[in-house]
């Protein structure tokens, strides 16, 4: 049981360390969606370059 708990804790720690969190304040319109989409794409490109 202890090994299972340690595996869960390690998995959660991995997620917390590797998943980006975004907080933006914007109007709920198309321009906000386009901005956020661009930001996610840029961040993913940066993240992928760091893994090489």
C-alpha atoms as a PDB file:
ATOM      1  CA  UNK A   1       0.000   0.000   0.000  1.00  0.00           C
ATOM      2  CA  UNK A   2       2.837   2.418   0.838  1.00  0.00           C
ATOM      3  CA  UNK A   3       4.428   1.875  -2.589  1.00  0.00           C
ATOM      4  CA  UNK A   4       1.097   2.670  -4.264  1.00  0.00           C
ATOM      5  CA  UNK A   5       0.797   5.906  -2.269  1.00  0.00           C
ATOM      6  CA  UNK A   6       4.353   6.918  -3.146  1.00  0.00           C
ATOM      7  CA  UNK A   7       3.629   6.292  -6.836  1.00  0.00           C
ATOM      8  CA  UNK A   8       0.521   8.485  -6.658  1.00  0.00           C
ATOM      9  CA  UNK A   9       2.436  11.268  -4.882  1.00  0.00           C
ATOM     10  CA  UNK A  10       5.216  11.080  -7.480  1.00  0.00           C
ATOM     11  CA  UNK A  11       2.692  11.234 -10.306  1.00  0.00           C
ATOM     12  CA  UNK A  12       0.973  14.273  -8.796  1.00  0.00           C
ATOM     13  CA  UNK A  13       4.323  15.987  -8.236  1.00  0.00           C
ATOM     14  CA  UNK A  14       5.249  15.330 -11.869  1.00  0.00           C
ATOM     15  CA  UNK A  15       1.984  16.870 -13.091  1.00  0.00           C
ATOM     16  CA  UNK A  16       2.366  19.930 -10.849  1.00  0.00           C
ATOM     17  CA  UNK A  17       5.929  20.505 -12.032  1.00  0.00           C
ATOM     18  CA  UNK A  18       5.223  20.062 -15.748  1.00  0.00           C
ATOM     19  CA  UNK A  19       1.759  21.433 -16.476  1.00  0.00           C
ATOM     20  CA  UNK A  20       1.578  25.133 -17.219  1.00  0.00           C
ATOM     21  CA  UNK A  21      -1.070  27.173 -15.452  1.00  0.00           C
ATOM     22  CA  UNK A  22      -2.598  30.197 -17.131  1.00  0.00           C
ATOM     23  CA  UNK A  23      -4.547  33.037 -15.580  1.00  0.00           C
ATOM     24  CA  UNK A  24      -5.733  35.793 -17.881  1.00  0.00           C
ATOM     25  CA  UNK A  25      -8.415  38.367 -17.483  1.00  0.00           C
ATOM     26  CA  UNK A  26     -10.132  39.175 -20.746  1.00  0.00           C
ATOM     27  CA  UNK A  27     -13.478  39.663 -22.370  1.00  0.00           C
ATOM     28  CA  UNK A  28     -15.332  36.513 -23.420  1.00  0.00           C
ATOM     29  CA  UNK A  29     -15.052  37.202 -27.135  1.00  0.00           C
ATOM     30  CA  UNK A  30     -13.340  35.836 -30.218  1.00  0.00           C
ATOM     31  CA  UNK A  31     -10.207  37.984 -29.828  1.00  0.00           C
ATOM     32  CA  UNK A  32      -9.624  36.511 -26.349  1.00  0.00           C
ATOM     33  CA  UNK A  33      -9.872  32.975 -27.727  1.00  0.00           C
ATOM     34  CA  UNK A  34      -7.459  33.792 -30.543  1.00  0.00           C
ATOM     35  CA  UNK A  35      -4.975  35.341 -28.097  1.00  0.00           C
ATOM     36  CA  UNK A  36      -5.097  32.355 -25.747  1.00  0.00           C
ATOM     37  CA  UNK A  37      -4.751  29.909 -28.632  1.00  0.00           C
ATOM     38  CA  UNK A  38      -1.605  31.699 -29.815  1.00  0.00           C
ATOM     39  CA  UNK A  39      -0.159  31.701 -26.297  1.00  0.00           C
ATOM     40  CA  UNK A  40      -0.726  27.968 -25.842  1.00  0.00           C
ATOM     41  CA  UNK A  41       0.861  27.235 -29.219  1.00  0.00           C
ATOM     42  CA  UNK A  42       3.874  29.435 -28.409  1.00  0.00           C
ATOM     43  CA  UNK A  43       4.297  27.839 -24.981  1.00  0.00           C
ATOM     44  CA  UNK A  44       4.080  24.334 -26.466  1.00  0.00           C
ATOM     45  CA  UNK A  45       6.729  25.211 -29.052  1.00  0.00           C
ATOM     46  CA  UNK A  46       9.008  26.542 -26.307  1.00  0.00           C
ATOM     47  CA  UNK A  47       8.385  23.431 -24.186  1.00  0.00           C
ATOM     48  CA  UNK A  48       9.087  21.119 -27.108  1.00  0.00           C
ATOM     49  CA  UNK A  49      12.363  22.916 -27.847  1.00  0.00           C
ATOM     50  CA  UNK A  50      13.464  22.527 -24.236  1.00  0.00           C
ATOM     51  CA  UNK A  51      12.943  18.754 -24.434  1.00  0.00           C
ATOM     52  CA  UNK A  52      15.417  18.357 -27.315  1.00  0.00           C
END
